[in-house]
Each structure stands twice: as C-alpha cells, then as structure tokens.
mmCIF file of all heavy atoms, coordinates in Angstrom:
data_MODEL
# 
_entry.id   MODEL 
# 
loop_
_atom_site.group_PDB 
_atom_site.id 
_atom_site.type_symbol 
_atom_site.label_atom_id 
_atom_site.label_alt_id 
_atom_site.label_comp_id 
_atom_site.label_asym_id 
_atom_site.label_entity_id 
_atom_site.label_seq_id 
_atom_site.pdbx_PDB_ins_code 
_atom_site.Cartn_x 
_atom_site.Cartn_y 
_atom_site.Cartn_z 
_atom_site.occupancy 
_atom_site.B_iso_or_equiv 
_atom_site.pdbx_formal_charge 
_atom_site.auth_seq_id 
_atom_site.auth_comp_id 
_atom_site.auth_asym_id 
_atom_site.auth_atom_id 
_atom_site.pdbx_PDB_model_num 
ATOM 1   N N   . HIS A 1 1  ? -83.781  159.421 -9.125  1.00 0.00 ? 1  HIS A N   1 
ATOM 2   C CA  . HIS A 1 1  ? -84.936  159.725 -9.984  1.00 0.00 ? 1  HIS A CA  1 
ATOM 3   C C   . HIS A 1 1  ? -86.103  158.885 -9.465  1.00 0.00 ? 1  HIS A C   1 
ATOM 4   O O   . HIS A 1 1  ? -86.228  157.709 -9.784  1.00 0.00 ? 1  HIS A O   1 
ATOM 5   C CB  . HIS A 1 1  ? -84.580  159.351 -11.434 1.00 0.00 ? 1  HIS A CB  1 
ATOM 6   C CG  . HIS A 1 1  ? -85.550  159.885 -12.446 1.00 0.00 ? 1  HIS A CG  1 
ATOM 7   N ND1 . HIS A 1 1  ? -85.370  159.719 -13.802 1.00 0.00 ? 1  HIS A ND1 1 
ATOM 8   C CD2 . HIS A 1 1  ? -86.704  160.589 -12.316 1.00 0.00 ? 1  HIS A CD2 1 
ATOM 9   C CE1 . HIS A 1 1  ? -86.387  160.289 -14.448 1.00 0.00 ? 1  HIS A CE1 1 
ATOM 10  N NE2 . HIS A 1 1  ? -87.194  160.819 -13.571 1.00 0.00 ? 1  HIS A NE2 1 
ATOM 11  N N   . VAL A 1 2  ? -86.948  159.498 -8.633  1.00 0.00 ? 2  VAL A N   1 
ATOM 12  C CA  . VAL A 1 2  ? -87.933  158.699 -7.877  1.00 0.00 ? 2  VAL A CA  1 
ATOM 13  C C   . VAL A 1 2  ? -89.304  158.610 -8.527  1.00 0.00 ? 2  VAL A C   1 
ATOM 14  O O   . VAL A 1 2  ? -90.067  157.689 -8.233  1.00 0.00 ? 2  VAL A O   1 
ATOM 15  C CB  . VAL A 1 2  ? -88.073  159.200 -6.424  1.00 0.00 ? 2  VAL A CB  1 
ATOM 16  C CG1 . VAL A 1 2  ? -86.804  158.945 -5.646  1.00 0.00 ? 2  VAL A CG1 1 
ATOM 17  C CG2 . VAL A 1 2  ? -88.443  160.669 -6.380  1.00 0.00 ? 2  VAL A CG2 1 
ATOM 18  N N   . LEU A 1 3  ? -89.654  159.567 -9.398  1.00 0.00 ? 3  LEU A N   1 
ATOM 19  C CA  . LEU A 1 3  ? -90.880  159.449 -10.202 1.00 0.00 ? 3  LEU A CA  1 
ATOM 20  C C   . LEU A 1 3  ? -90.478  159.633 -11.660 1.00 0.00 ? 3  LEU A C   1 
ATOM 21  O O   . LEU A 1 3  ? -89.840  160.632 -12.011 1.00 0.00 ? 3  LEU A O   1 
ATOM 22  C CB  . LEU A 1 3  ? -91.928  160.490 -9.811  1.00 0.00 ? 3  LEU A CB  1 
ATOM 23  C CG  . LEU A 1 3  ? -92.573  160.352 -8.429  1.00 0.00 ? 3  LEU A CG  1 
ATOM 24  C CD1 . LEU A 1 3  ? -93.568  161.487 -8.200  1.00 0.00 ? 3  LEU A CD1 1 
ATOM 25  C CD2 . LEU A 1 3  ? -93.250  159.006 -8.243  1.00 0.00 ? 3  LEU A CD2 1 
ATOM 26  N N   . LYS A 1 4  ? -90.860  158.683 -12.499 1.00 0.00 ? 4  LYS A N   1 
ATOM 27  C CA  . LYS A 1 4  ? -90.414  158.665 -13.900 1.00 0.00 ? 4  LYS A CA  1 
ATOM 28  C C   . LYS A 1 4  ? -91.625  158.640 -14.825 1.00 0.00 ? 4  LYS A C   1 
ATOM 29  O O   . LYS A 1 4  ? -92.352  157.643 -14.869 1.00 0.00 ? 4  LYS A O   1 
ATOM 30  C CB  . LYS A 1 4  ? -89.538  157.432 -14.151 1.00 0.00 ? 4  LYS A CB  1 
ATOM 31  C CG  . LYS A 1 4  ? -88.340  157.348 -13.215 1.00 0.00 ? 4  LYS A CG  1 
ATOM 32  C CD  . LYS A 1 4  ? -87.636  156.004 -13.322 1.00 0.00 ? 4  LYS A CD  1 
ATOM 33  C CE  . LYS A 1 4  ? -86.486  155.910 -12.318 1.00 0.00 ? 4  LYS A CE  1 
ATOM 34  N NZ  . LYS A 1 4  ? -85.877  154.573 -12.292 1.00 0.00 ? 4  LYS A NZ  1 
ATOM 35  N N   . ASP A 1 5  ? -91.840  159.732 -15.535 1.00 0.00 ? 5  ASP A N   1 
ATOM 36  C CA  . ASP A 1 5  ? -92.903  159.787 -16.561 1.00 0.00 ? 5  ASP A CA  1 
ATOM 37  C C   . ASP A 1 5  ? -94.257  159.341 -16.019 1.00 0.00 ? 5  ASP A C   1 
ATOM 38  O O   . ASP A 1 5  ? -94.959  158.553 -16.660 1.00 0.00 ? 5  ASP A O   1 
ATOM 39  C CB  . ASP A 1 5  ? -92.545  158.905 -17.767 1.00 0.00 ? 5  ASP A CB  1 
ATOM 40  C CG  . ASP A 1 5  ? -91.161  159.205 -18.318 1.00 0.00 ? 5  ASP A CG  1 
ATOM 41  O OD1 . ASP A 1 5  ? -90.877  160.393 -18.526 1.00 0.00 ? 5  ASP A OD1 1 
ATOM 42  O OD2 . ASP A 1 5  ? -90.379  158.266 -18.521 1.00 0.00 ? 5  ASP A OD2 1 
ATOM 43  N N   . VAL A 1 6  ? -94.626  159.819 -14.838 1.00 0.00 ? 6  VAL A N   1 
ATOM 44  C CA  . VAL A 1 6  ? -95.886  159.366 -14.238 1.00 0.00 ? 6  VAL A CA  1 
ATOM 45  C C   . VAL A 1 6  ? -97.060  160.166 -14.802 1.00 0.00 ? 6  VAL A C   1 
ATOM 46  O O   . VAL A 1 6  ? -97.116  161.391 -14.680 1.00 0.00 ? 6  VAL A O   1 
ATOM 47  C CB  . VAL A 1 6  ? -95.838  159.489 -12.696 1.00 0.00 ? 6  VAL A CB  1 
ATOM 48  C CG1 . VAL A 1 6  ? -97.219  159.218 -12.107 1.00 0.00 ? 6  VAL A CG1 1 
ATOM 49  C CG2 . VAL A 1 6  ? -94.818  158.516 -12.116 1.00 0.00 ? 6  VAL A CG2 1 
ATOM 50  N N   . THR A 1 7  ? -97.985  159.472 -15.425 1.00 0.00 ? 7  THR A N   1 
ATOM 51  C CA  . THR A 1 7  ? -99.236  160.066 -15.901 1.00 0.00 ? 7  THR A CA  1 
ATOM 52  C C   . THR A 1 7  ? -100.384 159.285 -15.272 1.00 0.00 ? 7  THR A C   1 
ATOM 53  O O   . THR A 1 7  ? -100.435 158.059 -15.374 1.00 0.00 ? 7  THR A O   1 
ATOM 54  C CB  . THR A 1 7  ? -99.326  160.017 -17.436 1.00 0.00 ? 7  THR A CB  1 
ATOM 55  O OG1 . THR A 1 7  ? -98.311  160.883 -17.983 1.00 0.00 ? 7  THR A OG1 1 
ATOM 56  C CG2 . THR A 1 7  ? -100.682 160.492 -17.925 1.00 0.00 ? 7  THR A CG2 1 
ATOM 57  N N   . LEU A 1 8  ? -101.242 160.004 -14.572 1.00 0.00 ? 8  LEU A N   1 
ATOM 58  C CA  . LEU A 1 8  ? -102.342 159.351 -13.842 1.00 0.00 ? 8  LEU A CA  1 
ATOM 59  C C   . LEU A 1 8  ? -103.518 160.305 -13.775 1.00 0.00 ? 8  LEU A C   1 
ATOM 60  O O   . LEU A 1 8  ? -103.350 161.496 -13.510 1.00 0.00 ? 8  LEU A O   1 
ATOM 61  C CB  . LEU A 1 8  ? -101.881 159.001 -12.419 1.00 0.00 ? 8  LEU A CB  1 
ATOM 62  C CG  . LEU A 1 8  ? -102.911 158.373 -11.482 1.00 0.00 ? 8  LEU A CG  1 
ATOM 63  C CD1 . LEU A 1 8  ? -103.296 156.978 -11.950 1.00 0.00 ? 8  LEU A CD1 1 
ATOM 64  C CD2 . LEU A 1 8  ? -102.374 158.324 -10.048 1.00 0.00 ? 8  LEU A CD2 1 
ATOM 65  N N   . ARG A 1 9  ? -104.704 159.781 -14.043 1.00 0.00 ? 9  ARG A N   1 
ATOM 66  C CA  . ARG A 1 9  ? -105.917 160.589 -13.916 1.00 0.00 ? 9  ARG A CA  1 
ATOM 67  C C   . ARG A 1 9  ? -106.864 159.919 -12.941 1.00 0.00 ? 9  ARG A C   1 
ATOM 68  O O   . ARG A 1 9  ? -107.045 158.705 -12.985 1.00 0.00 ? 9  ARG A O   1 
ATOM 69  C CB  . ARG A 1 9  ? -106.577 160.759 -15.283 1.00 0.00 ? 9  ARG A CB  1 
ATOM 70  C CG  . ARG A 1 9  ? -105.766 161.650 -16.196 1.00 0.00 ? 9  ARG A CG  1 
ATOM 71  C CD  . ARG A 1 9  ? -106.456 161.924 -17.513 1.00 0.00 ? 9  ARG A CD  1 
ATOM 72  N NE  . ARG A 1 9  ? -105.810 163.049 -18.190 1.00 0.00 ? 9  ARG A NE  1 
ATOM 73  C CZ  . ARG A 1 9  ? -104.699 162.924 -18.910 1.00 0.00 ? 9  ARG A CZ  1 
ATOM 74  N NH1 . ARG A 1 9  ? -104.123 161.751 -19.049 1.00 0.00 ? 9  ARG A NH1 1 
ATOM 75  N NH2 . ARG A 1 9  ? -104.154 163.995 -19.483 1.00 0.00 ? 9  ARG A NH2 1 
ATOM 76  N N   . VAL A 1 10 ? -107.447 160.720 -12.067 1.00 0.00 ? 10 VAL A N   1 
ATOM 77  C CA  . VAL A 1 10 ? -108.407 160.214 -11.084 1.00 0.00 ? 10 VAL A CA  1 
ATOM 78  C C   . VAL A 1 10 ? -109.704 160.989 -11.274 1.00 0.00 ? 10 VAL A C   1 
ATOM 79  O O   . VAL A 1 10 ? -109.721 162.221 -11.204 1.00 0.00 ? 10 VAL A O   1 
ATOM 80  C CB  . VAL A 1 10 ? -107.880 160.397 -9.645  1.00 0.00 ? 10 VAL A CB  1 
ATOM 81  C CG1 . VAL A 1 10 ? -108.882 159.848 -8.639  1.00 0.00 ? 10 VAL A CG1 1 
ATOM 82  C CG2 . VAL A 1 10 ? -106.512 159.711 -9.476  1.00 0.00 ? 10 VAL A CG2 1 
ATOM 83  N N   . ALA A 1 11 ? -110.782 160.267 -11.512 1.00 0.00 ? 11 ALA A N   1 
ATOM 84  C CA  . ALA A 1 11 ? -112.079 160.906 -11.757 1.00 0.00 ? 11 ALA A CA  1 
ATOM 85  C C   . ALA A 1 11 ? -112.726 161.307 -10.436 1.00 0.00 ? 11 ALA A C   1 
ATOM 86  O O   . ALA A 1 11 ? -112.395 160.754 -9.372  1.00 0.00 ? 11 ALA A O   1 
ATOM 87  C CB  . ALA A 1 11 ? -112.994 159.934 -12.505 1.00 0.00 ? 11 ALA A CB  1 
ATOM 88  N N   . PRO A 1 12 ? -113.661 162.257 -10.454 1.00 0.00 ? 12 PRO A N   1 
ATOM 89  C CA  . PRO A 1 12 ? -114.417 162.567 -9.239  1.00 0.00 ? 12 PRO A CA  1 
ATOM 90  C C   . PRO A 1 12 ? -115.088 161.308 -8.701  1.00 0.00 ? 12 PRO A C   1 
ATOM 91  O O   . PRO A 1 12 ? -115.595 160.488 -9.466  1.00 0.00 ? 12 PRO A O   1 
ATOM 92  C CB  . PRO A 1 12 ? -115.467 163.579 -9.737  1.00 0.00 ? 12 PRO A CB  1 
ATOM 93  C CG  . PRO A 1 12 ? -114.858 164.206 -10.952 1.00 0.00 ? 12 PRO A CG  1 
ATOM 94  C CD  . PRO A 1 12 ? -114.061 163.106 -11.601 1.00 0.00 ? 12 PRO A CD  1 
ATOM 95  N N   . ARG A 1 13 ? -115.036 161.134 -7.387  1.00 0.00 ? 13 ARG A N   1 
ATOM 96  C CA  . ARG A 1 13 ? -115.657 160.016 -6.663  1.00 0.00 ? 13 ARG A CA  1 
ATOM 97  C C   . ARG A 1 13 ? -114.922 158.679 -6.855  1.00 0.00 ? 13 ARG A C   1 
ATOM 98  O O   . ARG A 1 13 ? -115.370 157.652 -6.356  1.00 0.00 ? 13 ARG A O   1 
ATOM 99  C CB  . ARG A 1 13 ? -117.133 159.850 -7.051  1.00 0.00 ? 13 ARG A CB  1 
ATOM 100 C CG  . ARG A 1 13 ? -117.968 161.089 -6.825  1.00 0.00 ? 13 ARG A CG  1 
ATOM 101 C CD  . ARG A 1 13 ? -119.383 160.953 -7.351  1.00 0.00 ? 13 ARG A CD  1 
ATOM 102 N NE  . ARG A 1 13 ? -120.165 160.011 -6.546  1.00 0.00 ? 13 ARG A NE  1 
ATOM 103 C CZ  . ARG A 1 13 ? -120.846 160.319 -5.448  1.00 0.00 ? 13 ARG A CZ  1 
ATOM 104 N NH1 . ARG A 1 13 ? -120.825 161.570 -4.992  1.00 0.00 ? 13 ARG A NH1 1 
ATOM 105 N NH2 . ARG A 1 13 ? -121.537 159.424 -4.790  1.00 0.00 ? 13 ARG A NH2 1 
ATOM 106 N N   . GLU A 1 14 ? -113.797 158.710 -7.552  1.00 0.00 ? 14 GLU A N   1 
ATOM 107 C CA  . GLU A 1 14 ? -113.062 157.460 -7.781  1.00 0.00 ? 14 GLU A CA  1 
ATOM 108 C C   . GLU A 1 14 ? -112.126 157.174 -6.612  1.00 0.00 ? 14 GLU A C   1 
ATOM 109 O O   . GLU A 1 14 ? -111.571 158.092 -5.992  1.00 0.00 ? 14 GLU A O   1 
ATOM 110 C CB  . GLU A 1 14 ? -112.247 157.555 -9.078  1.00 0.00 ? 14 GLU A CB  1 
ATOM 111 C CG  . GLU A 1 14 ? -111.606 156.227 -9.469  1.00 0.00 ? 14 GLU A CG  1 
ATOM 112 C CD  . GLU A 1 14 ? -110.842 156.287 -10.791 1.00 0.00 ? 14 GLU A CD  1 
ATOM 113 O OE1 . GLU A 1 14 ? -110.509 157.395 -11.252 1.00 0.00 ? 14 GLU A OE1 1 
ATOM 114 O OE2 . GLU A 1 14 ? -110.551 155.208 -11.336 1.00 0.00 ? 14 GLU A OE2 1 
ATOM 115 N N   . VAL A 1 15 ? -111.942 155.893 -6.294  1.00 0.00 ? 15 VAL A N   1 
ATOM 116 C CA  . VAL A 1 15 ? -110.986 155.468 -5.268  1.00 0.00 ? 15 VAL A CA  1 
ATOM 117 C C   . VAL A 1 15 ? -109.856 154.713 -5.974  1.00 0.00 ? 15 VAL A C   1 
ATOM 118 O O   . VAL A 1 15 ? -110.075 153.650 -6.569  1.00 0.00 ? 15 VAL A O   1 
ATOM 119 C CB  . VAL A 1 15 ? -111.655 154.553 -4.219  1.00 0.00 ? 15 VAL A CB  1 
ATOM 120 C CG1 . VAL A 1 15 ? -110.621 154.086 -3.181  1.00 0.00 ? 15 VAL A CG1 1 
ATOM 121 C CG2 . VAL A 1 15 ? -112.800 155.296 -3.518  1.00 0.00 ? 15 VAL A CG2 1 
ATOM 122 N N   . VAL A 1 16 ? -108.677 155.307 -5.930  1.00 0.00 ? 16 VAL A N   1 
ATOM 123 C CA  . VAL A 1 16 ? -107.495 154.703 -6.556  1.00 0.00 ? 16 VAL A CA  1 
ATOM 124 C C   . VAL A 1 16 ? -106.547 154.257 -5.455  1.00 0.00 ? 16 VAL A C   1 
ATOM 125 O O   . VAL A 1 16 ? -106.163 155.065 -4.597  1.00 0.00 ? 16 VAL A O   1 
ATOM 126 C CB  . VAL A 1 16 ? -106.803 155.701 -7.511  1.00 0.00 ? 16 VAL A CB  1 
ATOM 127 C CG1 . VAL A 1 16 ? -105.468 155.149 -7.997  1.00 0.00 ? 16 VAL A CG1 1 
ATOM 128 C CG2 . VAL A 1 16 ? -107.713 156.012 -8.695  1.00 0.00 ? 16 VAL A CG2 1 
ATOM 129 N N   . VAL A 1 17 ? -106.202 152.983 -5.459  1.00 0.00 ? 17 VAL A N   1 
ATOM 130 C CA  . VAL A 1 17 ? -105.267 152.446 -4.473  1.00 0.00 ? 17 VAL A CA  1 
ATOM 131 C C   . VAL A 1 17 ? -103.933 152.191 -5.170  1.00 0.00 ? 17 VAL A C   1 
ATOM 132 O O   . VAL A 1 17 ? -103.887 151.527 -6.215  1.00 0.00 ? 17 VAL A O   1 
ATOM 133 C CB  . VAL A 1 17 ? -105.806 151.155 -3.833  1.00 0.00 ? 17 VAL A CB  1 
ATOM 134 C CG1 . VAL A 1 17 ? -104.752 150.530 -2.925  1.00 0.00 ? 17 VAL A CG1 1 
ATOM 135 C CG2 . VAL A 1 17 ? -107.070 151.452 -3.022  1.00 0.00 ? 17 VAL A CG2 1 
ATOM 136 N N   . VAL A 1 18 ? -102.861 152.764 -4.602  1.00 0.00 ? 18 VAL A N   1 
ATOM 137 C CA  . VAL A 1 18 ? -101.527 152.646 -5.188  1.00 0.00 ? 18 VAL A CA  1 
ATOM 138 C C   . VAL A 1 18 ? -100.734 151.625 -4.384  1.00 0.00 ? 18 VAL A C   1 
ATOM 139 O O   . VAL A 1 18 ? -100.582 151.765 -3.166  1.00 0.00 ? 18 VAL A O   1 
ATOM 140 C CB  . VAL A 1 18 ? -100.804 154.009 -5.178  1.00 0.00 ? 18 VAL A CB  1 
ATOM 141 C CG1 . VAL A 1 18 ? -99.458  153.909 -5.892  1.00 0.00 ? 18 VAL A CG1 1 
ATOM 142 C CG2 . VAL A 1 18 ? -101.673 155.083 -5.844  1.00 0.00 ? 18 VAL A CG2 1 
ATOM 143 N N   . VAL A 1 19 ? -100.254 150.595 -5.066  1.00 0.00 ? 19 VAL A N   1 
ATOM 144 C CA  . VAL A 1 19 ? -99.494  149.539 -4.403  1.00 0.00 ? 19 VAL A CA  1 
ATOM 145 C C   . VAL A 1 19 ? -98.164  149.360 -5.115  1.00 0.00 ? 19 VAL A C   1 
ATOM 146 O O   . VAL A 1 19 ? -97.972  149.838 -6.233  1.00 0.00 ? 19 VAL A O   1 
ATOM 147 C CB  . VAL A 1 19 ? -100.275 148.195 -4.387  1.00 0.00 ? 19 VAL A CB  1 
ATOM 148 C CG1 . VAL A 1 19 ? -101.618 148.346 -3.702  1.00 0.00 ? 19 VAL A CG1 1 
ATOM 149 C CG2 . VAL A 1 19 ? -100.454 147.623 -5.795  1.00 0.00 ? 19 VAL A CG2 1 
ATOM 150 N N   . GLY A 1 20 ? -97.263  148.647 -4.436  1.00 0.00 ? 20 GLY A N   1 
ATOM 151 C CA  . GLY A 1 20 ? -95.962  148.370 -5.028  1.00 0.00 ? 20 GLY A CA  1 
ATOM 152 C C   . GLY A 1 20 ? -94.926  148.182 -3.940  1.00 0.00 ? 20 GLY A C   1 
ATOM 153 O O   . GLY A 1 20 ? -95.188  148.455 -2.760  1.00 0.00 ? 20 GLY A O   1 
ATOM 154 N N   . PRO A 1 21 ? -93.737  147.706 -4.308  1.00 0.00 ? 21 PRO A N   1 
ATOM 155 C CA  . PRO A 1 21 ? -92.697  147.467 -3.305  1.00 0.00 ? 21 PRO A CA  1 
ATOM 156 C C   . PRO A 1 21 ? -92.213  148.757 -2.658  1.00 0.00 ? 21 PRO A C   1 
ATOM 157 O O   . PRO A 1 21 ? -92.418  149.847 -3.195  1.00 0.00 ? 21 PRO A O   1 
ATOM 158 C CB  . PRO A 1 21 ? -91.569  146.798 -4.114  1.00 0.00 ? 21 PRO A CB  1 
ATOM 159 C CG  . PRO A 1 21 ? -91.841  147.128 -5.532  1.00 0.00 ? 21 PRO A CG  1 
ATOM 160 C CD  . PRO A 1 21 ? -93.317  147.335 -5.671  1.00 0.00 ? 21 PRO A CD  1 
ATOM 161 N N   . SER A 1 22 ? -91.580  148.628 -1.497  1.00 0.00 ? 22 SER A N   1 
ATOM 162 C CA  . SER A 1 22 ? -90.996  149.795 -0.831  1.00 0.00 ? 22 SER A CA  1 
ATOM 163 C C   . SER A 1 22 ? -90.001  150.457 -1.768  1.00 0.00 ? 22 SER A C   1 
ATOM 164 O O   . SER A 1 22 ? -89.260  149.788 -2.487  1.00 0.00 ? 22 SER A O   1 
ATOM 165 C CB  . SER A 1 22 ? -90.275  149.366 0.452   1.00 0.00 ? 22 SER A CB  1 
ATOM 166 O OG  . SER A 1 22 ? -91.211  148.869 1.368   1.00 0.00 ? 22 SER A OG  1 
ATOM 167 N N   . GLY A 1 23 ? -90.006  151.796 -1.750  1.00 0.00 ? 23 GLY A N   1 
ATOM 168 C CA  . GLY A 1 23 ? -89.063  152.526 -2.596  1.00 0.00 ? 23 GLY A CA  1 
ATOM 169 C C   . GLY A 1 23 ? -89.506  152.677 -4.038  1.00 0.00 ? 23 GLY A C   1 
ATOM 170 O O   . GLY A 1 23 ? -88.733  153.134 -4.883  1.00 0.00 ? 23 GLY A O   1 
ATOM 171 N N   . SER A 1 24 ? -90.771  152.334 -4.323  1.00 0.00 ? 24 SER A N   1 
ATOM 172 C CA  . SER A 1 24 ? -91.223  152.407 -5.717  1.00 0.00 ? 24 SER A CA  1 
ATOM 173 C C   . SER A 1 24 ? -91.738  153.788 -6.096  1.00 0.00 ? 24 SER A C   1 
ATOM 174 O O   . SER A 1 24 ? -92.055  154.040 -7.249  1.00 0.00 ? 24 SER A O   1 
ATOM 175 C CB  . SER A 1 24 ? -92.311  151.355 -5.973  1.00 0.00 ? 24 SER A CB  1 
ATOM 176 O OG  . SER A 1 24 ? -93.406  151.529 -5.102  1.00 0.00 ? 24 SER A OG  1 
ATOM 177 N N   . GLY A 1 25 ? -91.845  154.703 -5.110  1.00 0.00 ? 25 GLY A N   1 
ATOM 178 C CA  . GLY A 1 25 ? -92.277  156.072 -5.411  1.00 0.00 ? 25 GLY A CA  1 
ATOM 179 C C   . GLY A 1 25 ? -93.709  156.375 -5.003  1.00 0.00 ? 25 GLY A C   1 
ATOM 180 O O   . GLY A 1 25 ? -94.213  157.469 -5.259  1.00 0.00 ? 25 GLY A O   1 
# 
C-alpha cells in the first residue's frame, strides 16, 4: 500500500516540493 489517503492541492503558479525518505511514495 504505497499511497495512503493522500489529499493534496496545488494552486496555479505554485511550486510544491515533495521530500521524505526513500520508499515513502
């Protein structure tokens, strides 16, 4: 189960950086 209940919103022109340990999805 590699993605669990993921809710994410990205606005126009927004820069979202996703970080986390290896294997976090």
